[in-house]
Amino acid sequence: MAAPTSEPPALHDRALQDLSFIRRTMEGAASFTDVPGWGLVWVGASALVAAPIAHGQPDPDRWLTVWFLAAALGATIGGAAMYAKMRKRVGDGSARLLSVPARKFLFSFWPAVLAGAVLTFALVDLYAPGIPPQLTTRVLPGLWLLLYGMGVTTAGTFSIRAVPLMGFGFITLGVLALFVPALNGDLMMALGFGVLHLVFGVRIARRHGG
């Protein structure tokens, strides 16, 4: 009888493939725990400083400038804090910096933030003089809070429980800012980007380290 042309794969090769599949599955099902608690605290503190400064500006253009600067500062602080926490988890470099949960979290968060930026520049005509006051007192604060909350809530499905809870808080404040004209937009921004970041940042830092 003729000998078989190929041999079945060795048992240890199949075992390694099964272990690799199990490891990828477990990694994909894990939660993203690198949300920087103390980073959120500093972002919240910067927003609480920016809110009264923006409220005291004499015209909408300067108001917008203050919040643009605050957003840039907050993004820098939050990004640096998250990177530092990821580096701490990786340690000696044996693990990947961007794990599967991290990629899911970031790809779920940024589309809503990008949509907020696009809509902002669509509403604010940079080529026309002056900005309508209602944009700065109600529309833009509500829009920013709502879309940021949507991004946080969506990304939070791949993270710890505190993250989507914080996102729901932002969504609530955004809806109130848009549909309750009596509420001050800067106050709602201070409550959202300031107080919510502070409260949940401390909670995350104490329960999940950093």
C-alpha atoms as a PDB file:
ATOM      1  CA  MET A   1       0.000   0.000   0.000  1.00  0.00           C
ATOM      2  CA  ALA A   2       1.165   3.516  -0.787  1.00  0.00           C
ATOM      3  CA  ALA A   3       2.179   5.723   2.170  1.00  0.00           C
ATOM      4  CA  PRO A   4      -0.028   8.772   2.876  1.00  0.00           C
ATOM      5  CA  THR A   5       1.175  11.942   1.152  1.00  0.00           C
ATOM      6  CA  SER A   6       0.748  14.167   4.221  1.00  0.00           C
ATOM      7  CA  GLU A   7       0.870  13.696   7.961  1.00  0.00           C
ATOM      8  CA  PRO A   8      -1.737  15.049  10.359  1.00  0.00           C
ATOM      9  CA  PRO A   9      -0.598  18.117  12.307  1.00  0.00           C
ATOM     10  CA  ALA A  10       1.262  17.372  15.494  1.00  0.00           C
ATOM     11  CA  LEU A  11      -0.776  17.412  18.671  1.00  0.00           C
ATOM     12  CA  HIS A  12       1.236  20.207  20.257  1.00  0.00           C
ATOM     13  CA  ASP A  13       0.722  22.433  17.164  1.00  0.00           C
ATOM     14  CA  ARG A  14      -3.023  22.030  17.423  1.00  0.00           C
ATOM     15  CA  ALA A  15      -2.878  22.733  21.148  1.00  0.00           C
ATOM     16  CA  LEU A  16      -0.915  25.950  20.524  1.00  0.00           C
ATOM     17  CA  GLN A  17      -3.452  27.071  17.933  1.00  0.00           C
ATOM     18  CA  ASP A  18      -6.306  26.389  20.351  1.00  0.00           C
ATOM     19  CA  LEU A  19      -4.560  28.295  23.131  1.00  0.00           C
ATOM     20  CA  SER A  20      -3.910  31.227  20.795  1.00  0.00           C
ATOM     21  CA  PHE A  21      -7.578  31.313  19.804  1.00  0.00           C
ATOM     22  CA  ILE A  22      -8.696  31.173  23.437  1.00  0.00           C
ATOM     23  CA  ARG A  23      -6.279  33.986  24.356  1.00  0.00           C
ATOM     24  CA  ARG A  24      -7.551  36.227  21.530  1.00  0.00           C
ATOM     25  CA  THR A  25     -11.146  35.510  22.516  1.00  0.00           C
ATOM     26  CA  MET A  26     -10.518  36.339  26.172  1.00  0.00           C
ATOM     27  CA  GLU A  27      -8.633  39.509  25.239  1.00  0.00           C
ATOM     28  CA  GLY A  28     -11.455  40.650  22.982  1.00  0.00           C
ATOM     29  CA  ALA A  29     -14.014  40.070  25.739  1.00  0.00           C
ATOM     30  CA  ALA A  30     -11.995  41.964  28.365  1.00  0.00           C
ATOM     31  CA  SER A  31     -12.871  45.472  29.505  1.00  0.00           C
ATOM     32  CA  PHE A  32     -10.786  48.547  28.775  1.00  0.00           C
ATOM     33  CA  THR A  33      -9.482  49.599  32.188  1.00  0.00           C
ATOM     34  CA  ASP A  34      -6.914  52.207  31.100  1.00  0.00           C
ATOM     35  CA  VAL A  35      -9.328  55.132  31.494  1.00  0.00           C
ATOM     36  CA  PRO A  36      -7.179  57.666  33.400  1.00  0.00           C
ATOM     37  CA  GLY A  37      -9.030  58.629  36.568  1.00  0.00           C
ATOM     38  CA  TRP A  38      -6.662  61.368  37.693  1.00  0.00           C
ATOM     39  CA  GLY A  39      -6.433  62.566  34.104  1.00  0.00           C
ATOM     40  CA  LEU A  40     -10.209  63.071  34.116  1.00  0.00           C
ATOM     41  CA  VAL A  41      -9.866  64.988  37.379  1.00  0.00           C
ATOM     42  CA  TRP A  42      -7.400  67.417  35.797  1.00  0.00           C
ATOM     43  CA  VAL A  43      -9.592  67.763  32.710  1.00  0.00           C
ATOM     44  CA  GLY A  44     -12.546  68.554  34.960  1.00  0.00           C
ATOM     45  CA  ALA A  45     -10.525  71.121  36.892  1.00  0.00           C
ATOM     46  CA  SER A  46      -9.484  72.873  33.681  1.00  0.00           C
ATOM     47  CA  ALA A  47     -13.128  73.000  32.534  1.00  0.00           C
ATOM     48  CA  LEU A  48     -14.200  74.542  35.844  1.00  0.00           C
ATOM     49  CA  VAL A  49     -11.585  77.244  35.323  1.00  0.00           C
ATOM     50  CA  ALA A  50     -12.613  77.817  31.699  1.00  0.00           C
ATOM     51  CA  ALA A  51     -16.375  78.107  32.366  1.00  0.00           C
ATOM     52  CA  PRO A  52     -16.371  81.429  34.296  1.00  0.00           C
ATOM     53  CA  ILE A  53     -13.729  82.853  31.967  1.00  0.00           C
ATOM     54  CA  ALA A  54     -15.863  82.013  28.925  1.00  0.00           C
ATOM     55  CA  HIS A  55     -19.003  83.350  30.617  1.00  0.00           C
ATOM     56  CA  GLY A  56     -17.305  86.680  31.203  1.00  0.00           C
ATOM     57  CA  GLN A  57     -16.326  87.244  27.579  1.00  0.00           C
ATOM     58  CA  PRO A  58     -17.957  90.265  25.903  1.00  0.00           C
ATOM     59  CA  ASP A  59     -18.741  88.580  22.569  1.00  0.00           C
ATOM     60  CA  PRO A  60     -19.401  85.064  21.182  1.00  0.00           C
ATOM     61  CA  ASP A  61     -16.141  84.955  19.217  1.00  0.00           C
ATOM     62  CA  ARG A  62     -14.034  85.243  22.350  1.00  0.00           C
ATOM     63  CA  TRP A  63     -16.315  82.782  24.119  1.00  0.00           C
ATOM     64  CA  LEU A  64     -15.648  80.252  21.378  1.00  0.00           C
ATOM     65  CA  THR A  65     -11.908  80.877  21.590  1.00  0.00           C
ATOM     66  CA  VAL A  66     -11.869  80.154  25.316  1.00  0.00           C
ATOM     67  CA  TRP A  67     -13.670  76.848  24.910  1.00  0.00           C
ATOM     68  CA  PHE A  68     -11.523  75.850  21.929  1.00  0.00           C
ATOM     69  CA  LEU A  69      -8.414  76.390  24.063  1.00  0.00           C
ATOM     70  CA  ALA A  70     -10.000  74.487  26.949  1.00  0.00           C
ATOM     71  CA  ALA A  71     -10.871  71.590  24.622  1.00  0.00           C
ATOM     72  CA  ALA A  72      -7.306  71.465  23.274  1.00  0.00           C
ATOM     73  CA  LEU A  73      -5.891  71.503  26.806  1.00  0.00           C
ATOM     74  CA  GLY A  74      -8.328  68.832  27.985  1.00  0.00           C
ATOM     75  CA  ALA A  75      -7.560  66.571  25.028  1.00  0.00           C
ATOM     76  CA  THR A  76      -3.826  66.940  25.685  1.00  0.00           C
ATOM     77  CA  ILE A  77      -4.180  66.147  29.385  1.00  0.00           C
ATOM     78  CA  GLY A  78      -6.530  63.226  28.819  1.00  0.00           C
ATOM     79  CA  GLY A  79      -4.466  61.749  25.991  1.00  0.00           C
ATOM     80  CA  ALA A  80      -1.208  62.023  27.926  1.00  0.00           C
ATOM     81  CA  ALA A  81      -2.763  60.495  31.048  1.00  0.00           C
ATOM     82  CA  MET A  82      -4.240  57.585  29.102  1.00  0.00           C
ATOM     83  CA  TYR A  83      -0.929  56.948  27.343  1.00  0.00           C
ATOM     84  CA  ALA A  84       0.906  56.959  30.679  1.00  0.00           C
ATOM     85  CA  LYS A  85      -1.564  54.468  32.171  1.00  0.00           C
ATOM     86  CA  MET A  86      -1.238  52.213  29.128  1.00  0.00           C
ATOM     87  CA  ARG A  87       2.567  52.328  29.400  1.00  0.00           C
ATOM     88  CA  LYS A  88       2.317  51.412  33.080  1.00  0.00           C
ATOM     89  CA  ARG A  89       0.178  48.374  32.190  1.00  0.00           C
ATOM     90  CA  VAL A  90       2.543  47.244  29.454  1.00  0.00           C
ATOM     91  CA  GLY A  91       5.538  47.478  31.779  1.00  0.00           C
ATOM     92  CA  ASP A  92       8.557  45.894  30.118  1.00  0.00           C
ATOM     93  CA  GLY A  93       6.936  45.968  26.696  1.00  0.00           C
ATOM     94  CA  SER A  94       5.889  42.320  26.587  1.00  0.00           C
ATOM     95  CA  ALA A  95       2.280  43.289  25.887  1.00  0.00           C
ATOM     96  CA  ARG A  96       0.840  45.486  23.179  1.00  0.00           C
ATOM     97  CA  LEU A  97       0.114  49.085  24.079  1.00  0.00           C
ATOM     98  CA  LEU A  98      -3.181  49.096  22.169  1.00  0.00           C
ATOM     99  CA  SER A  99      -5.000  45.943  23.228  1.00  0.00           C
ATOM    100  CA  VAL A 100      -8.201  44.757  21.570  1.00  0.00           C
ATOM    101  CA  PRO A 101     -10.386  46.474  24.232  1.00  0.00           C
ATOM    102  CA  ALA A 102      -8.353  49.678  23.822  1.00  0.00           C
ATOM    103  CA  ARG A 103      -8.887  49.734  20.072  1.00  0.00           C
ATOM    104  CA  LYS A 104     -12.613  49.079  20.498  1.00  0.00           C
ATOM    105  CA  PHE A 105     -12.841  51.884  23.059  1.00  0.00           C
ATOM    106  CA  LEU A 106     -11.000  54.470  20.957  1.00  0.00           C
ATOM    107  CA  PHE A 107     -12.728  53.622  17.681  1.00  0.00           C
ATOM    108  CA  SER A 108     -16.112  53.903  19.427  1.00  0.00           C
ATOM    109  CA  PHE A 109     -15.292  57.203  21.133  1.00  0.00           C
ATOM    110  CA  TRP A 110     -13.748  59.338  18.390  1.00  0.00           C
ATOM    111  CA  PRO A 111     -16.512  59.308  15.713  1.00  0.00           C
ATOM    112  CA  ALA A 112     -18.913  61.213  17.981  1.00  0.00           C
ATOM    113  CA  VAL A 113     -16.187  63.709  18.947  1.00  0.00           C
ATOM    114  CA  LEU A 114     -15.282  64.209  15.295  1.00  0.00           C
ATOM    115  CA  ALA A 115     -18.960  64.741  14.451  1.00  0.00           C
ATOM    116  CA  GLY A 116     -19.117  67.427  17.136  1.00  0.00           C
ATOM    117  CA  ALA A 117     -16.135  69.237  15.626  1.00  0.00           C
ATOM    118  CA  VAL A 118     -17.568  69.050  12.094  1.00  0.00           C
ATOM    119  CA  LEU A 119     -20.985  70.308  13.202  1.00  0.00           C
ATOM    120  CA  THR A 120     -19.378  73.135  15.150  1.00  0.00           C
ATOM    121  CA  PHE A 121     -17.574  74.462  12.088  1.00  0.00           C
ATOM    122  CA  ALA A 122     -20.729  73.943  10.023  1.00  0.00           C
ATOM    123  CA  LEU A 123     -22.775  76.075  12.426  1.00  0.00           C
ATOM    124  CA  VAL A 124     -20.132  78.754  12.921  1.00  0.00           C
ATOM    125  CA  ASP A 125     -19.522  80.512   9.617  1.00  0.00           C
ATOM    126  CA  LEU A 126     -15.872  81.516   9.758  1.00  0.00           C
ATOM    127  CA  TYR A 127     -16.293  83.747   6.698  1.00  0.00           C
ATOM    128  CA  ALA A 128     -19.197  85.783   8.085  1.00  0.00           C
ATOM    129  CA  PRO A 129     -18.749  88.460  10.749  1.00  0.00           C
ATOM    130  CA  GLY A 130     -20.216  87.701  14.140  1.00  0.00           C
ATOM    131  CA  ILE A 131     -21.663  84.567  15.722  1.00  0.00           C
ATOM    132  CA  PRO A 132     -25.368  84.377  16.637  1.00  0.00           C
ATOM    133  CA  PRO A 133     -25.648  84.581  20.452  1.00  0.00           C
ATOM    134  CA  GLN A 134     -27.988  81.583  20.701  1.00  0.00           C
ATOM    135  CA  LEU A 135     -25.224  79.360  19.384  1.00  0.00           C
ATOM    136  CA  THR A 136     -22.981  80.085  22.338  1.00  0.00           C
ATOM    137  CA  THR A 137     -25.664  80.237  25.011  1.00  0.00           C
ATOM    138  CA  ARG A 138     -27.589  77.084  24.106  1.00  0.00           C
ATOM    139  CA  VAL A 139     -26.868  75.251  20.837  1.00  0.00           C
ATOM    140  CA  LEU A 140     -23.120  74.642  21.004  1.00  0.00           C
ATOM    141  CA  PRO A 141     -22.997  73.738  24.720  1.00  0.00           C
ATOM    142  CA  GLY A 142     -25.871  71.296  24.234  1.00  0.00           C
ATOM    143  CA  LEU A 143     -24.344  69.857  21.068  1.00  0.00           C
ATOM    144  CA  TRP A 144     -20.925  69.347  22.654  1.00  0.00           C
ATOM    145  CA  LEU A 145     -22.327  67.755  25.800  1.00  0.00           C
ATOM    146  CA  LEU A 146     -24.679  65.488  23.849  1.00  0.00           C
ATOM    147  CA  LEU A 147     -22.153  64.192  21.323  1.00  0.00           C
ATOM    148  CA  TYR A 148     -19.376  63.807  23.881  1.00  0.00           C
ATOM    149  CA  GLY A 149     -21.791  61.844  26.053  1.00  0.00           C
ATOM    150  CA  MET A 150     -22.746  59.635  23.135  1.00  0.00           C
ATOM    151  CA  GLY A 151     -19.090  58.894  22.425  1.00  0.00           C
ATOM    152  CA  VAL A 152     -18.356  58.118  26.068  1.00  0.00           C
ATOM    153  CA  THR A 153     -21.451  55.931  26.404  1.00  0.00           C
ATOM    154  CA  THR A 154     -20.719  53.954  23.250  1.00  0.00           C
ATOM    155  CA  ALA A 155     -17.055  53.475  24.130  1.00  0.00           C
ATOM    156  CA  GLY A 156     -18.058  52.618  27.676  1.00  0.00           C
ATOM    157  CA  THR A 157     -19.685  49.381  26.515  1.00  0.00           C
ATOM    158  CA  PHE A 158     -16.107  48.085  26.190  1.00  0.00           C
ATOM    159  CA  SER A 159     -14.930  49.607  29.471  1.00  0.00           C
ATOM    160  CA  ILE A 160     -15.672  49.685  33.168  1.00  0.00           C
ATOM    161  CA  ARG A 161     -19.174  50.460  34.417  1.00  0.00           C
ATOM    162  CA  ALA A 162     -18.397  54.025  35.511  1.00  0.00           C
ATOM    163  CA  VAL A 163     -17.650  55.150  31.951  1.00  0.00           C
ATOM    164  CA  PRO A 164     -21.116  54.625  30.372  1.00  0.00           C
ATOM    165  CA  LEU A 165     -22.713  56.041  33.535  1.00  0.00           C
ATOM    166  CA  MET A 166     -20.672  59.203  33.042  1.00  0.00           C
ATOM    167  CA  GLY A 167     -21.733  59.232  29.396  1.00  0.00           C
ATOM    168  CA  PHE A 168     -25.416  59.136  30.346  1.00  0.00           C
ATOM    169  CA  GLY A 169     -24.806  62.129  32.590  1.00  0.00           C
ATOM    170  CA  PHE A 170     -23.354  64.107  29.680  1.00  0.00           C
ATOM    171  CA  ILE A 171     -26.265  63.154  27.431  1.00  0.00           C
ATOM    172  CA  THR A 172     -28.761  64.322  30.055  1.00  0.00           C
ATOM    173  CA  LEU A 173     -27.026  67.664  30.464  1.00  0.00           C
ATOM    174  CA  GLY A 174     -26.824  68.083  26.683  1.00  0.00           C
ATOM    175  CA  VAL A 175     -30.539  67.513  26.215  1.00  0.00           C
ATOM    176  CA  LEU A 176     -31.347  69.963  29.014  1.00  0.00           C
ATOM    177  CA  ALA A 177     -29.050  72.605  27.522  1.00  0.00           C
ATOM    178  CA  LEU A 178     -30.690  72.263  24.109  1.00  0.00           C
ATOM    179  CA  PHE A 179     -34.333  72.262  25.175  1.00  0.00           C
ATOM    180  CA  VAL A 180     -34.425  74.374  28.352  1.00  0.00           C
ATOM    181  CA  PRO A 181     -33.466  77.894  27.239  1.00  0.00           C
ATOM    182  CA  ALA A 182     -33.499  79.221  30.816  1.00  0.00           C
ATOM    183  CA  LEU A 183     -30.430  77.132  31.674  1.00  0.00           C
ATOM    184  CA  ASN A 184     -27.070  78.815  31.228  1.00  0.00           C
ATOM    185  CA  GLY A 185     -24.856  77.068  28.690  1.00  0.00           C
ATOM    186  CA  ASP A 186     -21.629  77.745  30.573  1.00  0.00           C
ATOM    187  CA  LEU A 187     -23.163  76.365  33.760  1.00  0.00           C
ATOM    188  CA  MET A 188     -24.128  73.154  31.962  1.00  0.00           C
ATOM    189  CA  MET A 189     -20.615  72.914  30.499  1.00  0.00           C
ATOM    190  CA  ALA A 190     -19.136  73.348  33.977  1.00  0.00           C
ATOM    191  CA  LEU A 191     -21.438  70.646  35.356  1.00  0.00           C
ATOM    192  CA  GLY A 192     -20.575  68.270  32.516  1.00  0.00           C
ATOM    193  CA  PHE A 193     -16.964  68.744  31.530  1.00  0.00           C
ATOM    194  CA  GLY A 194     -16.089  69.939  35.021  1.00  0.00           C
ATOM    195  CA  VAL A 195     -18.094  68.211  37.751  1.00  0.00           C
ATOM    196  CA  LEU A 196     -18.814  64.907  35.992  1.00  0.00           C
ATOM    197  CA  HIS A 197     -15.159  64.487  35.049  1.00  0.00           C
ATOM    198  CA  LEU A 198     -14.117  65.240  38.625  1.00  0.00           C
ATOM    199  CA  VAL A 199     -16.606  62.887  40.282  1.00  0.00           C
ATOM    200  CA  PHE A 200     -16.111  59.931  37.972  1.00  0.00           C
ATOM    201  CA  GLY A 201     -12.374  60.568  37.682  1.00  0.00           C
ATOM    202  CA  VAL A 202     -11.934  60.195  41.440  1.00  0.00           C
ATOM    203  CA  ARG A 203     -14.114  57.077  41.429  1.00  0.00           C
ATOM    204  CA  ILE A 204     -12.137  55.470  38.605  1.00  0.00           C
ATOM    205  CA  ALA A 205      -8.797  56.400  40.133  1.00  0.00           C
ATOM    206  CA  ARG A 206      -9.680  54.854  43.497  1.00  0.00           C
ATOM    207  CA  ARG A 207     -11.228  51.661  42.139  1.00  0.00           C
ATOM    208  CA  HIS A 208      -9.068  50.979  39.097  1.00  0.00           C
ATOM    209  CA  GLY A 209      -5.764  52.663  39.857  1.00  0.00           C
ATOM    210  CA  GLY A 210      -4.695  55.984  38.383  1.00  0.00           C
END
